[in-house]
């Protein structure tokens, strides 16, 4: 029963909270502006506009990506690093 009363009291306290005045934030220009025009739904029935993709820099980008991929395929550790790691493991 006390849990219910506690929950009820907490709910009542939240009702006393002050909320910021939203109207004070609205500028005079926005407050005095006309309502926007409504557009008929028929204007949206034309479907998407087809555009050709821009491939002007595609060849350069492909070359850069292939170069990065080739660098990633190489060895990660140098032979000196590999020897040092193997010495640390064996000792």
N, C-alpha and C. Protein backbone atom coordinates (compact mmCIF):
# COMPACT_ATOMS: atom_id res chain seq x y z
N UNK A 1 0.82 -1.20 0.00
CA UNK A 1 0.00 0.00 0.00
C UNK A 1 0.86 1.26 0.00
N UNK A 2 1.98 1.20 0.75
CA UNK A 2 2.84 2.38 0.80
C UNK A 2 3.53 2.62 -0.54
N UNK A 3 3.79 1.55 -1.27
CA UNK A 3 4.40 1.71 -2.59
C UNK A 3 3.45 2.44 -3.53
N UNK A 4 2.18 2.10 -3.45
CA UNK A 4 1.19 2.73 -4.30
C UNK A 4 1.08 4.21 -3.95
N UNK A 5 1.08 4.53 -2.66
CA UNK A 5 0.99 5.93 -2.25
C UNK A 5 2.25 6.70 -2.67
N UNK A 6 3.40 6.07 -2.54
CA UNK A 6 4.65 6.72 -2.96
C UNK A 6 4.63 6.99 -4.45
N UNK A 7 4.22 6.01 -5.24
CA UNK A 7 4.14 6.17 -6.68
C UNK A 7 3.14 7.26 -7.05
N UNK A 8 2.02 7.29 -6.35
CA UNK A 8 1.00 8.31 -6.61
C UNK A 8 1.53 9.71 -6.27
N UNK A 9 2.25 9.83 -5.16
CA UNK A 9 2.80 11.13 -4.76
C UNK A 9 3.85 11.61 -5.77
N UNK A 10 4.68 10.69 -6.25
CA UNK A 10 5.69 11.07 -7.25
C UNK A 10 5.02 11.51 -8.55
N UNK A 11 3.95 10.84 -8.93
CA UNK A 11 3.23 11.21 -10.14
C UNK A 11 2.59 12.59 -9.98
N UNK A 12 2.09 12.89 -8.81
CA UNK A 12 1.48 14.19 -8.58
C UNK A 12 2.54 15.30 -8.58
N UNK A 13 3.74 15.01 -8.08
CA UNK A 13 4.80 16.02 -8.08
C UNK A 13 5.25 16.37 -9.48
N UNK A 14 5.23 15.40 -10.39
CA UNK A 14 5.63 15.71 -11.77
C UNK A 14 4.61 16.62 -12.44
N UNK A 15 3.39 16.60 -12.00
CA UNK A 15 2.37 17.47 -12.57
C UNK A 15 2.62 18.92 -12.18
N UNK A 16 3.39 19.17 -11.14
CA UNK A 16 3.66 20.53 -10.69
C UNK A 16 4.86 21.15 -11.39
N UNK A 17 5.52 20.41 -12.25
CA UNK A 17 6.73 20.92 -12.91
C UNK A 17 6.38 22.04 -13.88
N UNK A 18 7.28 23.04 -13.95
CA UNK A 18 7.09 24.14 -14.89
C UNK A 18 7.77 23.80 -16.20
N UNK A 19 7.09 24.04 -17.28
CA UNK A 19 7.65 23.80 -18.60
C UNK A 19 7.99 25.14 -19.23
N UNK A 20 9.03 25.17 -20.05
CA UNK A 20 9.41 26.44 -20.67
C UNK A 20 8.31 26.95 -21.60
N UNK A 21 8.24 28.25 -21.71
CA UNK A 21 7.24 28.88 -22.55
C UNK A 21 7.71 28.79 -24.00
N UNK A 22 7.09 27.92 -24.77
CA UNK A 22 7.50 27.69 -26.15
C UNK A 22 7.20 28.92 -27.01
N UNK A 23 6.14 29.63 -26.71
CA UNK A 23 5.79 30.80 -27.50
C UNK A 23 6.83 31.91 -27.39
N UNK A 24 7.57 31.96 -26.30
CA UNK A 24 8.58 33.00 -26.13
C UNK A 24 9.76 32.79 -27.07
N UNK A 25 9.98 31.56 -27.51
CA UNK A 25 11.10 31.25 -28.38
C UNK A 25 10.77 31.59 -29.84
N UNK A 26 9.52 31.59 -30.19
CA UNK A 26 9.10 31.85 -31.57
C UNK A 26 9.36 33.30 -31.93
N UNK A 27 10.02 33.52 -33.08
CA UNK A 27 10.33 34.89 -33.50
C UNK A 27 9.06 35.58 -33.99
N UNK A 28 9.14 36.92 -34.04
CA UNK A 28 7.99 37.69 -34.55
C UNK A 28 7.71 37.36 -36.00
N UNK A 29 8.77 37.14 -36.78
CA UNK A 29 8.61 36.81 -38.20
C UNK A 29 7.82 35.51 -38.35
N UNK A 30 8.18 34.49 -37.57
CA UNK A 30 7.50 33.21 -37.65
C UNK A 30 6.07 33.32 -37.14
N UNK A 31 5.87 34.12 -36.10
CA UNK A 31 4.53 34.28 -35.53
C UNK A 31 3.60 34.98 -36.51
N UNK A 32 4.11 35.93 -37.31
CA UNK A 32 3.27 36.69 -38.23
C UNK A 32 3.26 36.13 -39.65
N UNK A 33 3.95 35.04 -39.89
CA UNK A 33 4.04 34.47 -41.24
C UNK A 33 2.71 33.83 -41.64
N UNK A 34 2.47 33.83 -42.95
CA UNK A 34 1.27 33.17 -43.48
C UNK A 34 1.47 31.66 -43.44
N UNK A 35 0.37 30.95 -43.48
CA UNK A 35 0.44 29.50 -43.56
C UNK A 35 0.97 29.10 -44.93
N UNK A 36 1.71 28.01 -45.02
CA UNK A 36 2.23 27.60 -46.34
C UNK A 36 1.10 27.10 -47.24
N UNK A 37 1.37 27.16 -48.54
CA UNK A 37 0.38 26.66 -49.50
C UNK A 37 0.36 25.14 -49.49
N UNK A 38 -0.80 24.60 -49.62
CA UNK A 38 -0.91 23.15 -49.73
C UNK A 38 -0.68 22.73 -51.17
N UNK A 39 -0.01 21.62 -51.36
CA UNK A 39 0.27 21.10 -52.70
C UNK A 39 -0.59 19.87 -52.91
N UNK A 40 -1.15 19.75 -54.08
CA UNK A 40 -1.98 18.60 -54.41
C UNK A 40 -1.12 17.35 -54.44
N UNK A 41 -1.68 16.24 -54.04
CA UNK A 41 -0.96 14.97 -54.08
C UNK A 41 -0.67 14.52 -55.50
N UNK A 42 -1.38 15.06 -56.47
CA UNK A 42 -1.12 14.70 -57.86
C UNK A 42 0.28 15.12 -58.30
N UNK A 43 0.85 16.13 -57.67
CA UNK A 43 2.19 16.59 -58.02
C UNK A 43 3.24 15.54 -57.67
N UNK A 44 2.93 14.65 -56.75
CA UNK A 44 3.89 13.63 -56.32
C UNK A 44 3.77 12.33 -57.10
N UNK A 45 2.80 12.24 -57.98
CA UNK A 45 2.58 11.00 -58.73
C UNK A 45 3.52 10.82 -59.91
N UNK A 46 4.34 11.82 -60.22
CA UNK A 46 5.20 11.73 -61.40
C UNK A 46 6.35 10.75 -61.20
N UNK A 47 6.67 10.35 -60.01
CA UNK A 47 7.73 9.39 -59.75
C UNK A 47 9.08 10.06 -59.61
N UNK A 48 10.09 9.28 -59.33
CA UNK A 48 11.42 9.86 -59.13
C UNK A 48 12.02 10.34 -60.44
N UNK A 49 12.90 11.31 -60.32
CA UNK A 49 13.58 11.85 -61.49
C UNK A 49 14.85 11.02 -61.71
N UNK A 50 14.99 10.44 -62.89
CA UNK A 50 16.16 9.61 -63.20
C UNK A 50 17.32 10.50 -63.59
N UNK A 51 18.45 10.29 -62.91
CA UNK A 51 19.66 11.06 -63.22
C UNK A 51 20.79 10.10 -63.48
N UNK A 52 21.64 10.46 -64.42
CA UNK A 52 22.81 9.63 -64.71
C UNK A 52 23.84 9.83 -63.61
N UNK A 53 24.46 8.75 -63.15
CA UNK A 53 25.45 8.89 -62.08
C UNK A 53 26.69 9.64 -62.58
N UNK A 54 27.31 10.38 -61.69
CA UNK A 54 28.52 11.14 -62.03
C UNK A 54 29.73 10.23 -61.88
N UNK A 55 30.32 9.84 -62.98
CA UNK A 55 31.45 8.92 -62.97
C UNK A 55 32.76 9.62 -63.32
N UNK A 56 32.81 10.94 -63.14
CA UNK A 56 33.99 11.67 -63.58
C UNK A 56 35.25 11.28 -62.79
N UNK A 57 35.15 11.00 -61.52
CA UNK A 57 36.32 10.65 -60.73
C UNK A 57 36.39 9.18 -60.37
N UNK A 58 35.61 8.35 -61.04
CA UNK A 58 35.52 6.93 -60.67
C UNK A 58 36.83 6.19 -60.95
N UNK A 59 37.47 6.47 -62.07
CA UNK A 59 38.71 5.75 -62.42
C UNK A 59 39.81 6.04 -61.41
N UNK A 60 39.93 7.32 -61.00
CA UNK A 60 40.94 7.68 -60.00
C UNK A 60 40.65 7.02 -58.65
N UNK A 61 39.38 7.01 -58.28
CA UNK A 61 39.00 6.41 -57.00
C UNK A 61 39.27 4.91 -57.02
N UNK A 62 38.96 4.25 -58.12
CA UNK A 62 39.20 2.81 -58.25
C UNK A 62 40.69 2.52 -58.12
N UNK A 63 41.51 3.34 -58.76
CA UNK A 63 42.97 3.14 -58.69
C UNK A 63 43.47 3.32 -57.26
N UNK A 64 42.97 4.33 -56.55
CA UNK A 64 43.38 4.54 -55.16
C UNK A 64 42.95 3.39 -54.27
N UNK A 65 41.74 2.89 -54.46
CA UNK A 65 41.25 1.77 -53.65
C UNK A 65 42.05 0.50 -53.92
N UNK A 66 42.40 0.26 -55.17
CA UNK A 66 43.21 -0.92 -55.49
C UNK A 66 44.60 -0.80 -54.89
N UNK A 67 45.16 0.39 -54.88
CA UNK A 67 46.48 0.61 -54.28
C UNK A 67 46.43 0.36 -52.78
N UNK A 68 45.39 0.85 -52.13
CA UNK A 68 45.25 0.61 -50.68
C UNK A 68 45.07 -0.87 -50.39
N UNK A 69 44.30 -1.57 -51.23
CA UNK A 69 44.09 -3.00 -51.03
C UNK A 69 45.40 -3.76 -51.19
N UNK A 70 46.22 -3.36 -52.16
CA UNK A 70 47.51 -4.02 -52.35
C UNK A 70 48.42 -3.80 -51.16
N UNK A 71 48.39 -2.61 -50.58
CA UNK A 71 49.19 -2.35 -49.38
C UNK A 71 48.72 -3.19 -48.20
N UNK A 72 47.43 -3.44 -48.10
CA UNK A 72 46.90 -4.26 -47.00
C UNK A 72 47.25 -5.73 -47.15
N UNK A 73 47.51 -6.18 -48.38
CA UNK A 73 47.84 -7.58 -48.60
C UNK A 73 49.28 -7.90 -48.20
N UNK A 74 50.12 -6.92 -48.05
CA UNK A 74 51.52 -7.14 -47.72
C UNK A 74 51.70 -7.64 -46.29
N UNK A 75 52.95 -7.96 -45.93
CA UNK A 75 53.21 -8.45 -44.58
C UNK A 75 52.97 -7.36 -43.54
N UNK A 76 52.47 -7.76 -42.41
CA UNK A 76 52.17 -6.81 -41.35
C UNK A 76 53.42 -6.57 -40.50
N UNK A 77 54.12 -7.64 -40.18
CA UNK A 77 55.32 -7.54 -39.36
C UNK A 77 56.57 -7.60 -40.23
N UNK A 78 57.54 -6.80 -39.87
CA UNK A 78 58.83 -6.91 -40.56
C UNK A 78 59.54 -8.15 -40.00
N UNK A 79 60.58 -8.58 -40.68
CA UNK A 79 61.32 -9.77 -40.20
C UNK A 79 61.96 -9.48 -38.85
N UNK A 80 62.44 -8.27 -38.62
CA UNK A 80 63.04 -7.92 -37.32
C UNK A 80 62.00 -7.99 -36.21
N UNK A 81 60.80 -7.48 -36.47
CA UNK A 81 59.74 -7.55 -35.46
C UNK A 81 59.34 -8.99 -35.18
N UNK A 82 59.26 -9.81 -36.22
CA UNK A 82 58.90 -11.21 -36.04
C UNK A 82 59.94 -11.94 -35.19
N UNK A 83 61.26 -11.69 -35.45
CA UNK A 83 62.32 -12.30 -34.64
C UNK A 83 62.23 -11.86 -33.18
N UNK A 84 61.98 -10.58 -32.97
CA UNK A 84 61.89 -10.06 -31.60
C UNK A 84 60.73 -10.69 -30.85
N UNK A 85 59.59 -10.85 -31.51
CA UNK A 85 58.42 -11.48 -30.89
C UNK A 85 58.71 -12.94 -30.59
N UNK A 86 59.32 -13.64 -31.53
CA UNK A 86 59.65 -15.05 -31.31
C UNK A 86 60.64 -15.22 -30.16
N UNK A 87 61.62 -14.32 -30.02
CA UNK A 87 62.54 -14.37 -28.89
C UNK A 87 61.80 -14.15 -27.58
N UNK A 88 60.83 -13.22 -27.58
CA UNK A 88 60.07 -12.96 -26.35
C UNK A 88 59.19 -14.14 -25.98
N UNK A 89 58.69 -14.87 -26.95
CA UNK A 89 57.82 -16.03 -26.67
C UNK A 89 58.65 -17.18 -26.15
N UNK A 90 59.82 -17.40 -26.76
CA UNK A 90 60.62 -18.57 -26.39
C UNK A 90 61.35 -18.38 -25.06
N UNK A 91 61.54 -17.16 -24.57
CA UNK A 91 62.27 -16.99 -23.31
C UNK A 91 61.36 -16.92 -22.12
